[in-house]
N, C-alpha and C. Protein backbone atom coordinates (compact mmCIF):
# COMPACT_ATOMS: atom_id res chain seq x y z
N UNK A 1 -3.02 28.09 -122.73
CA UNK A 1 -2.89 29.46 -122.26
C UNK A 1 -3.55 29.60 -120.90
N UNK A 2 -3.02 30.49 -120.11
CA UNK A 2 -3.55 30.72 -118.78
C UNK A 2 -3.68 32.22 -118.54
N UNK A 3 -4.83 32.64 -118.08
CA UNK A 3 -5.08 34.02 -117.69
C UNK A 3 -5.63 33.96 -116.27
N UNK A 4 -4.74 34.10 -115.28
CA UNK A 4 -5.14 33.99 -113.88
C UNK A 4 -4.42 35.05 -113.06
N UNK A 5 -5.18 35.73 -112.24
CA UNK A 5 -4.66 36.76 -111.35
C UNK A 5 -5.03 36.38 -109.93
N UNK A 6 -4.08 36.45 -109.01
CA UNK A 6 -4.34 36.20 -107.59
C UNK A 6 -3.91 37.45 -106.83
N UNK A 7 -4.82 38.00 -106.05
CA UNK A 7 -4.54 39.20 -105.26
C UNK A 7 -5.02 39.02 -103.83
N UNK A 8 -4.28 39.60 -102.91
CA UNK A 8 -4.73 39.76 -101.53
C UNK A 8 -4.60 41.24 -101.23
N UNK A 9 -5.71 41.86 -100.89
CA UNK A 9 -5.67 43.29 -100.64
C UNK A 9 -6.88 43.76 -99.87
N UNK A 10 -6.93 45.08 -99.65
CA UNK A 10 -8.01 45.70 -98.88
C UNK A 10 -8.93 46.48 -99.81
N UNK A 11 -10.23 46.36 -99.56
CA UNK A 11 -11.23 47.06 -100.35
C UNK A 11 -11.10 48.55 -100.09
N UNK A 12 -11.03 49.34 -101.18
CA UNK A 12 -10.77 50.78 -101.07
C UNK A 12 -12.01 51.59 -100.67
N UNK A 13 -13.19 51.17 -101.09
CA UNK A 13 -14.44 51.87 -100.77
C UNK A 13 -15.56 50.84 -100.80
N UNK A 14 -16.69 51.17 -100.23
CA UNK A 14 -17.80 50.23 -100.23
C UNK A 14 -18.13 49.81 -101.67
N UNK A 15 -18.32 48.52 -101.90
CA UNK A 15 -18.60 48.03 -103.25
C UNK A 15 -19.91 48.58 -103.81
N UNK A 16 -19.96 48.65 -105.13
CA UNK A 16 -21.16 49.08 -105.84
C UNK A 16 -21.82 47.82 -106.42
N UNK A 17 -23.08 47.62 -106.11
CA UNK A 17 -23.82 46.46 -106.60
C UNK A 17 -24.87 46.97 -107.59
N UNK A 18 -24.89 46.34 -108.79
CA UNK A 18 -25.84 46.74 -109.83
C UNK A 18 -26.56 45.51 -110.35
N UNK A 19 -27.71 45.74 -110.96
CA UNK A 19 -28.42 44.69 -111.68
C UNK A 19 -28.26 44.99 -113.16
N UNK A 20 -27.87 43.98 -113.94
CA UNK A 20 -27.65 44.15 -115.36
C UNK A 20 -28.20 42.93 -116.08
N UNK A 21 -29.21 43.12 -116.92
CA UNK A 21 -29.87 42.02 -117.63
C UNK A 21 -30.36 40.93 -116.66
N UNK A 22 -30.91 41.36 -115.52
CA UNK A 22 -31.44 40.41 -114.54
C UNK A 22 -30.41 39.71 -113.69
N UNK A 23 -29.15 40.07 -113.83
CA UNK A 23 -28.06 39.45 -113.05
C UNK A 23 -27.41 40.51 -112.16
N UNK A 24 -26.88 40.06 -111.03
CA UNK A 24 -26.16 40.97 -110.13
C UNK A 24 -24.72 41.11 -110.58
N UNK A 25 -24.19 42.31 -110.38
CA UNK A 25 -22.82 42.63 -110.75
C UNK A 25 -22.24 43.47 -109.62
N UNK A 26 -21.02 43.17 -109.20
CA UNK A 26 -20.36 43.93 -108.14
C UNK A 26 -19.10 44.59 -108.71
N UNK A 27 -18.91 45.86 -108.38
CA UNK A 27 -17.72 46.62 -108.77
C UNK A 27 -17.07 47.19 -107.52
N UNK A 28 -15.76 47.07 -107.42
CA UNK A 28 -15.03 47.71 -106.34
C UNK A 28 -13.55 47.72 -106.68
N UNK A 29 -12.77 48.39 -105.86
CA UNK A 29 -11.33 48.45 -106.05
C UNK A 29 -10.65 47.88 -104.82
N UNK A 30 -9.53 47.20 -105.02
CA UNK A 30 -8.73 46.79 -103.88
C UNK A 30 -7.32 47.33 -104.05
N UNK A 31 -6.69 47.54 -102.92
CA UNK A 31 -5.31 48.04 -102.88
C UNK A 31 -4.40 46.91 -102.42
N UNK A 32 -3.30 46.73 -103.14
CA UNK A 32 -2.25 45.81 -102.72
C UNK A 32 -1.00 46.64 -102.49
N UNK A 33 -0.24 46.29 -101.48
CA UNK A 33 0.95 47.07 -101.14
C UNK A 33 2.18 46.19 -101.07
N UNK A 34 3.29 46.79 -101.43
CA UNK A 34 4.60 46.14 -101.33
C UNK A 34 5.47 47.04 -100.46
N UNK A 35 6.13 46.45 -99.48
CA UNK A 35 6.99 47.22 -98.58
C UNK A 35 8.42 46.69 -98.66
N UNK A 36 9.39 47.60 -98.57
CA UNK A 36 10.79 47.20 -98.60
C UNK A 36 11.63 48.29 -97.96
N UNK A 37 12.86 47.95 -97.70
CA UNK A 37 13.82 48.91 -97.15
C UNK A 37 14.84 49.23 -98.24
N UNK A 38 15.03 50.51 -98.51
CA UNK A 38 16.00 50.94 -99.50
C UNK A 38 17.39 50.56 -99.02
N UNK A 39 18.13 49.81 -99.82
CA UNK A 39 19.45 49.31 -99.41
C UNK A 39 20.48 50.43 -99.24
N UNK A 40 20.33 51.50 -99.99
CA UNK A 40 21.30 52.60 -99.91
C UNK A 40 21.05 53.51 -98.72
N UNK A 41 19.78 53.86 -98.48
CA UNK A 41 19.46 54.84 -97.44
C UNK A 41 18.93 54.21 -96.16
N UNK A 42 18.48 52.95 -96.22
CA UNK A 42 17.88 52.30 -95.06
C UNK A 42 16.45 52.76 -94.80
N UNK A 43 15.95 53.62 -95.69
CA UNK A 43 14.60 54.16 -95.54
C UNK A 43 13.56 53.11 -95.92
N UNK A 44 12.49 53.04 -95.11
CA UNK A 44 11.39 52.12 -95.42
C UNK A 44 10.53 52.75 -96.49
N UNK A 45 10.17 51.94 -97.50
CA UNK A 45 9.38 52.43 -98.63
C UNK A 45 8.17 51.54 -98.82
N UNK A 46 7.17 52.10 -99.50
CA UNK A 46 5.95 51.35 -99.78
C UNK A 46 5.40 51.81 -101.13
N UNK A 47 4.91 50.85 -101.90
CA UNK A 47 4.23 51.15 -103.17
C UNK A 47 2.88 50.45 -103.14
N UNK A 48 1.84 51.19 -103.51
CA UNK A 48 0.48 50.63 -103.52
C UNK A 48 -0.04 50.62 -104.94
N UNK A 49 -0.63 49.50 -105.32
CA UNK A 49 -1.29 49.35 -106.62
C UNK A 49 -2.78 49.25 -106.38
N UNK A 50 -3.56 49.83 -107.28
CA UNK A 50 -5.01 49.82 -107.19
C UNK A 50 -5.55 48.94 -108.31
N UNK A 51 -6.47 48.04 -107.99
CA UNK A 51 -7.01 47.08 -108.94
C UNK A 51 -8.53 47.20 -109.00
N UNK A 52 -9.06 47.32 -110.22
CA UNK A 52 -10.51 47.33 -110.43
C UNK A 52 -10.99 45.89 -110.48
N UNK A 53 -11.99 45.58 -109.66
CA UNK A 53 -12.54 44.23 -109.59
C UNK A 53 -13.99 44.27 -110.07
N UNK A 54 -14.35 43.32 -110.93
CA UNK A 54 -15.72 43.20 -111.42
C UNK A 54 -16.15 41.75 -111.22
N UNK A 55 -17.31 41.57 -110.60
CA UNK A 55 -17.83 40.23 -110.35
C UNK A 55 -19.14 40.04 -111.11
N UNK A 56 -19.14 39.10 -112.07
CA UNK A 56 -20.32 38.73 -112.84
C UNK A 56 -20.81 37.37 -112.37
N UNK A 57 -21.18 37.27 -111.12
CA UNK A 57 -21.62 36.01 -110.55
C UNK A 57 -22.60 36.36 -109.43
N UNK A 58 -23.85 35.93 -109.56
CA UNK A 58 -24.88 36.31 -108.59
C UNK A 58 -24.50 35.92 -107.16
N UNK A 59 -24.01 34.71 -106.97
CA UNK A 59 -23.67 34.24 -105.63
C UNK A 59 -22.55 35.08 -105.01
N UNK A 60 -21.48 35.29 -105.77
CA UNK A 60 -20.36 36.09 -105.24
C UNK A 60 -20.78 37.55 -105.05
N UNK A 61 -21.60 38.08 -105.95
CA UNK A 61 -22.07 39.46 -105.81
C UNK A 61 -22.92 39.60 -104.55
N UNK A 62 -23.73 38.57 -104.23
CA UNK A 62 -24.53 38.61 -102.99
C UNK A 62 -23.62 38.59 -101.76
N UNK A 63 -22.56 37.80 -101.80
CA UNK A 63 -21.61 37.76 -100.69
C UNK A 63 -20.95 39.12 -100.52
N UNK A 64 -20.53 39.72 -101.63
CA UNK A 64 -19.93 41.07 -101.58
C UNK A 64 -20.94 42.05 -100.97
N UNK A 65 -22.18 41.99 -101.43
CA UNK A 65 -23.22 42.90 -100.96
C UNK A 65 -23.46 42.76 -99.46
N UNK A 66 -23.46 41.54 -98.95
CA UNK A 66 -23.79 41.30 -97.55
C UNK A 66 -22.61 41.50 -96.60
N UNK A 67 -21.39 41.16 -97.02
CA UNK A 67 -20.29 41.06 -96.07
C UNK A 67 -19.10 41.98 -96.31
N UNK A 68 -19.03 42.64 -97.44
CA UNK A 68 -17.82 43.39 -97.77
C UNK A 68 -18.07 44.89 -97.70
N UNK A 69 -17.20 45.58 -96.98
CA UNK A 69 -17.23 47.04 -96.85
C UNK A 69 -15.80 47.55 -97.02
N UNK A 70 -15.68 48.86 -97.05
CA UNK A 70 -14.36 49.48 -97.13
C UNK A 70 -13.46 48.91 -96.03
N UNK A 71 -12.24 48.51 -96.41
CA UNK A 71 -11.28 47.99 -95.45
C UNK A 71 -11.26 46.47 -95.33
N UNK A 72 -12.26 45.78 -95.89
CA UNK A 72 -12.28 44.32 -95.83
C UNK A 72 -11.08 43.76 -96.59
N UNK A 73 -10.40 42.80 -95.99
CA UNK A 73 -9.28 42.14 -96.67
C UNK A 73 -9.83 40.95 -97.43
N UNK A 74 -9.48 40.86 -98.73
CA UNK A 74 -9.97 39.80 -99.60
C UNK A 74 -8.84 39.07 -100.30
N UNK A 75 -9.09 37.81 -100.56
CA UNK A 75 -8.26 36.99 -101.46
C UNK A 75 -9.11 36.81 -102.71
N UNK A 76 -8.55 37.14 -103.86
CA UNK A 76 -9.31 37.11 -105.11
C UNK A 76 -8.53 36.34 -106.17
N UNK A 77 -9.21 35.46 -106.88
CA UNK A 77 -8.66 34.80 -108.06
C UNK A 77 -9.61 35.08 -109.21
N UNK A 78 -9.07 35.61 -110.29
CA UNK A 78 -9.89 35.91 -111.46
C UNK A 78 -9.01 36.01 -112.69
N UNK A 79 -9.57 36.60 -113.73
CA UNK A 79 -8.85 36.78 -114.99
C UNK A 79 -8.70 38.27 -115.25
N UNK A 80 -7.59 38.65 -115.89
CA UNK A 80 -7.38 40.06 -116.23
C UNK A 80 -7.97 40.30 -117.62
N UNK A 81 -8.76 41.37 -117.70
CA UNK A 81 -9.40 41.71 -118.98
C UNK A 81 -9.32 43.21 -119.18
N UNK A 82 -9.09 43.60 -120.42
CA UNK A 82 -9.09 45.02 -120.78
C UNK A 82 -10.29 45.27 -121.67
N UNK A 83 -11.04 46.29 -121.29
CA UNK A 83 -12.27 46.61 -122.00
C UNK A 83 -12.15 47.99 -122.63
N UNK A 84 -12.65 48.10 -123.85
CA UNK A 84 -12.63 49.37 -124.58
C UNK A 84 -13.99 50.04 -124.45
N UNK A 85 -13.99 51.36 -124.23
CA UNK A 85 -15.21 52.13 -124.13
C UNK A 85 -14.95 53.54 -124.64
N UNK A 86 -16.01 54.31 -124.83
CA UNK A 86 -15.86 55.68 -125.31
C UNK A 86 -16.32 56.67 -124.25
N UNK A 87 -15.53 57.74 -124.08
CA UNK A 87 -15.91 58.78 -123.13
C UNK A 87 -16.96 59.69 -123.77
N UNK A 88 -17.37 60.73 -123.04
CA UNK A 88 -18.44 61.60 -123.52
C UNK A 88 -18.07 62.36 -124.80
N UNK A 89 -16.76 62.49 -125.06
CA UNK A 89 -16.30 63.16 -126.27
C UNK A 89 -16.10 62.19 -127.43
N UNK A 90 -16.43 60.92 -127.23
CA UNK A 90 -16.29 59.93 -128.29
C UNK A 90 -14.88 59.36 -128.43
N UNK A 91 -14.01 59.71 -127.48
CA UNK A 91 -12.63 59.23 -127.53
C UNK A 91 -12.55 57.83 -126.93
N UNK A 92 -11.81 56.93 -127.58
CA UNK A 92 -11.64 55.57 -127.07
C UNK A 92 -10.82 55.56 -125.78
N UNK A 93 -11.31 54.82 -124.82
CA UNK A 93 -10.64 54.63 -123.53
C UNK A 93 -10.54 53.14 -123.26
N UNK A 94 -9.60 52.77 -122.40
CA UNK A 94 -9.40 51.38 -122.04
C UNK A 94 -9.34 51.25 -120.53
N UNK A 95 -9.98 50.22 -120.00
CA UNK A 95 -9.95 49.94 -118.57
C UNK A 95 -9.54 48.49 -118.37
N UNK A 96 -8.56 48.28 -117.50
CA UNK A 96 -8.12 46.93 -117.18
C UNK A 96 -8.75 46.53 -115.85
N UNK A 97 -9.36 45.34 -115.83
CA UNK A 97 -10.09 44.88 -114.65
C UNK A 97 -9.72 43.43 -114.35
N UNK A 98 -9.89 43.08 -113.09
CA UNK A 98 -9.81 41.69 -112.67
C UNK A 98 -11.26 41.21 -112.63
N UNK A 99 -11.59 40.20 -113.44
CA UNK A 99 -12.96 39.75 -113.59
C UNK A 99 -13.13 38.38 -112.93
N UNK A 100 -14.15 38.28 -112.08
CA UNK A 100 -14.53 37.01 -111.47
C UNK A 100 -15.84 36.59 -112.11
N UNK A 101 -15.77 35.49 -112.86
CA UNK A 101 -16.92 35.02 -113.60
C UNK A 101 -16.74 33.52 -113.83
N UNK A 102 -17.76 32.75 -113.58
CA UNK A 102 -17.66 31.32 -113.82
C UNK A 102 -16.97 30.59 -112.68
N UNK A 103 -16.59 29.35 -112.95
CA UNK A 103 -16.08 28.48 -111.90
C UNK A 103 -14.58 28.63 -111.63
N UNK A 104 -13.86 29.36 -112.45
CA UNK A 104 -12.43 29.55 -112.23
C UNK A 104 -12.14 30.75 -111.34
N UNK A 105 -13.15 31.31 -110.73
CA UNK A 105 -12.99 32.49 -109.87
C UNK A 105 -13.12 32.09 -108.41
N UNK A 106 -12.37 32.79 -107.57
CA UNK A 106 -12.45 32.54 -106.12
C UNK A 106 -12.45 33.86 -105.38
N UNK A 107 -13.17 33.87 -104.28
CA UNK A 107 -13.26 35.03 -103.41
C UNK A 107 -13.25 34.51 -101.99
N UNK A 108 -12.30 34.95 -101.19
CA UNK A 108 -12.25 34.56 -99.78
C UNK A 108 -12.19 35.81 -98.92
N UNK A 109 -13.02 35.84 -97.88
CA UNK A 109 -13.00 36.95 -96.93
C UNK A 109 -11.90 36.65 -95.92
N UNK A 110 -10.97 37.57 -95.77
CA UNK A 110 -9.84 37.37 -94.86
C UNK A 110 -9.95 38.22 -93.60
N UNK A 111 -11.07 38.89 -93.41
CA UNK A 111 -11.31 39.64 -92.19
C UNK A 111 -12.75 39.42 -91.79
N UNK A 112 -13.05 39.69 -90.53
CA UNK A 112 -14.40 39.44 -90.04
C UNK A 112 -15.01 40.72 -89.51
N UNK A 113 -16.33 40.73 -89.44
CA UNK A 113 -17.07 41.86 -88.91
C UNK A 113 -17.00 41.86 -87.40
N UNK A 114 -16.77 43.03 -86.80
CA UNK A 114 -16.89 43.12 -85.35
C UNK A 114 -18.25 43.74 -85.04
N UNK A 115 -18.54 43.98 -83.79
CA UNK A 115 -19.85 44.49 -83.38
C UNK A 115 -20.20 45.85 -83.95
N UNK A 116 -19.20 46.65 -84.33
CA UNK A 116 -19.46 47.98 -84.84
C UNK A 116 -19.57 48.02 -86.36
N UNK A 117 -19.73 46.84 -86.99
CA UNK A 117 -19.84 46.74 -88.44
C UNK A 117 -18.54 47.14 -89.14
N UNK A 118 -17.43 47.08 -88.41
CA UNK A 118 -16.11 47.32 -88.99
C UNK A 118 -15.43 45.97 -89.15
N UNK A 119 -14.39 45.94 -89.93
CA UNK A 119 -13.70 44.67 -90.16
C UNK A 119 -12.34 44.70 -89.48
N UNK A 120 -11.96 43.53 -88.98
CA UNK A 120 -10.68 43.40 -88.31
C UNK A 120 -10.03 42.09 -88.75
N UNK A 121 -8.74 41.99 -88.54
CA UNK A 121 -8.01 40.78 -88.93
C UNK A 121 -8.46 39.60 -88.09
N UNK A 122 -8.39 38.40 -88.66
CA UNK A 122 -8.75 37.18 -87.95
C UNK A 122 -7.60 36.63 -87.12
N UNK A 123 -6.44 37.27 -87.14
CA UNK A 123 -5.28 36.73 -86.43
C UNK A 123 -5.56 36.63 -84.94
N UNK A 124 -5.11 35.52 -84.34
CA UNK A 124 -5.27 35.32 -82.90
C UNK A 124 -4.16 34.39 -82.42
N UNK A 125 -4.06 34.21 -81.12
CA UNK A 125 -3.01 33.36 -80.56
C UNK A 125 -3.53 31.94 -80.38
N UNK A 126 -3.77 31.25 -81.46
CA UNK A 126 -4.18 29.86 -81.38
C UNK A 126 -3.48 29.06 -82.47
N UNK A 127 -3.92 27.84 -82.66
CA UNK A 127 -3.24 26.96 -83.61
C UNK A 127 -3.21 27.52 -85.03
N UNK A 128 -4.21 28.33 -85.40
CA UNK A 128 -4.25 28.85 -86.75
C UNK A 128 -3.04 29.74 -87.05
N UNK A 129 -2.44 30.33 -86.00
CA UNK A 129 -1.24 31.15 -86.22
C UNK A 129 -0.02 30.29 -86.51
N UNK A 130 -0.06 29.03 -86.12
CA UNK A 130 1.08 28.15 -86.33
C UNK A 130 1.04 27.48 -87.70
N UNK A 131 -0.10 27.47 -88.35
CA UNK A 131 -0.24 26.84 -89.65
C UNK A 131 -0.44 27.95 -90.68
N UNK A 132 0.52 28.17 -91.58
CA UNK A 132 0.37 29.24 -92.57
C UNK A 132 -0.89 29.05 -93.41
N UNK A 133 -1.61 30.14 -93.62
CA UNK A 133 -2.80 30.18 -94.44
C UNK A 133 -3.94 29.29 -93.91
N UNK A 134 -3.89 28.93 -92.62
CA UNK A 134 -4.95 28.12 -92.01
C UNK A 134 -6.32 28.77 -92.24
N UNK A 135 -6.39 30.09 -92.00
CA UNK A 135 -7.67 30.78 -92.15
C UNK A 135 -8.14 30.78 -93.60
N UNK A 136 -7.22 30.78 -94.57
CA UNK A 136 -7.61 30.69 -95.98
C UNK A 136 -8.24 29.34 -96.28
N UNK A 137 -7.64 28.28 -95.74
CA UNK A 137 -8.14 26.94 -95.97
C UNK A 137 -9.54 26.79 -95.39
N UNK A 138 -9.73 27.26 -94.16
CA UNK A 138 -11.04 27.17 -93.51
C UNK A 138 -12.07 27.98 -94.28
N UNK A 139 -11.75 29.21 -94.66
CA UNK A 139 -12.70 30.03 -95.40
C UNK A 139 -13.02 29.42 -96.76
N UNK A 140 -12.01 28.86 -97.42
CA UNK A 140 -12.25 28.22 -98.72
C UNK A 140 -13.23 27.07 -98.55
N UNK A 141 -13.05 26.28 -97.50
CA UNK A 141 -13.95 25.17 -97.23
C UNK A 141 -15.39 25.67 -97.10
N UNK A 142 -15.60 26.71 -96.31
CA UNK A 142 -16.95 27.21 -96.11
C UNK A 142 -17.50 27.87 -97.37
N UNK A 143 -16.67 28.59 -98.12
CA UNK A 143 -17.13 29.22 -99.36
C UNK A 143 -17.52 28.15 -100.37
N UNK A 144 -16.73 27.07 -100.48
CA UNK A 144 -17.07 25.99 -101.41
C UNK A 144 -18.37 25.32 -100.99
N UNK A 145 -18.58 25.21 -99.68
CA UNK A 145 -19.81 24.62 -99.17
C UNK A 145 -21.02 25.47 -99.57
N UNK A 146 -20.89 26.79 -99.44
CA UNK A 146 -21.97 27.71 -99.82
C UNK A 146 -22.23 27.62 -101.32
N UNK A 147 -21.17 27.62 -102.11
CA UNK A 147 -21.32 27.58 -103.57
C UNK A 147 -21.95 26.26 -104.00
N UNK A 148 -21.53 25.14 -103.40
CA UNK A 148 -22.13 23.84 -103.75
C UNK A 148 -23.62 23.82 -103.40
N UNK A 149 -23.96 24.44 -102.27
CA UNK A 149 -25.37 24.50 -101.86
C UNK A 149 -26.18 25.31 -102.87
N UNK A 150 -25.59 26.41 -103.37
CA UNK A 150 -26.28 27.28 -104.33
C UNK A 150 -26.44 26.62 -105.69
N UNK A 151 -25.39 25.91 -106.14
CA UNK A 151 -25.37 25.37 -107.51
C UNK A 151 -25.56 23.86 -107.58
N UNK A 152 -25.72 23.22 -106.42
CA UNK A 152 -25.99 21.79 -106.42
C UNK A 152 -24.80 20.98 -106.50
């Protein structure tokens, strides 16, 4: 069986970082969009989906805390989980989340900070534009290097 979700999207609001049982936890939402042209009318259309992201990993939560703000573009690999909880009236509620936990999770920053603490795309007119996903490969290399340093 496989439970794997891959998303590329923009962070909707500044992430929330919490401590729970001595561990860091990050919560945030990302938006993914699909664009198309209606074949009948020629009108351009767009649909946006909102995804709840939860990170139960101290290293990734620290990266989120230090580098991610509203508007940051992220590549995320995690598992989809639905959690049951009760509202203030005792009624059962369900929340579906993308969970990053353990070694099967990945997080790549796809935008960089500029001088004003805002994020912008990494696209430029160099060789990286000629190689698809070049920036993903480079970021993955550096993220894996950081994770190996943290976990040995």
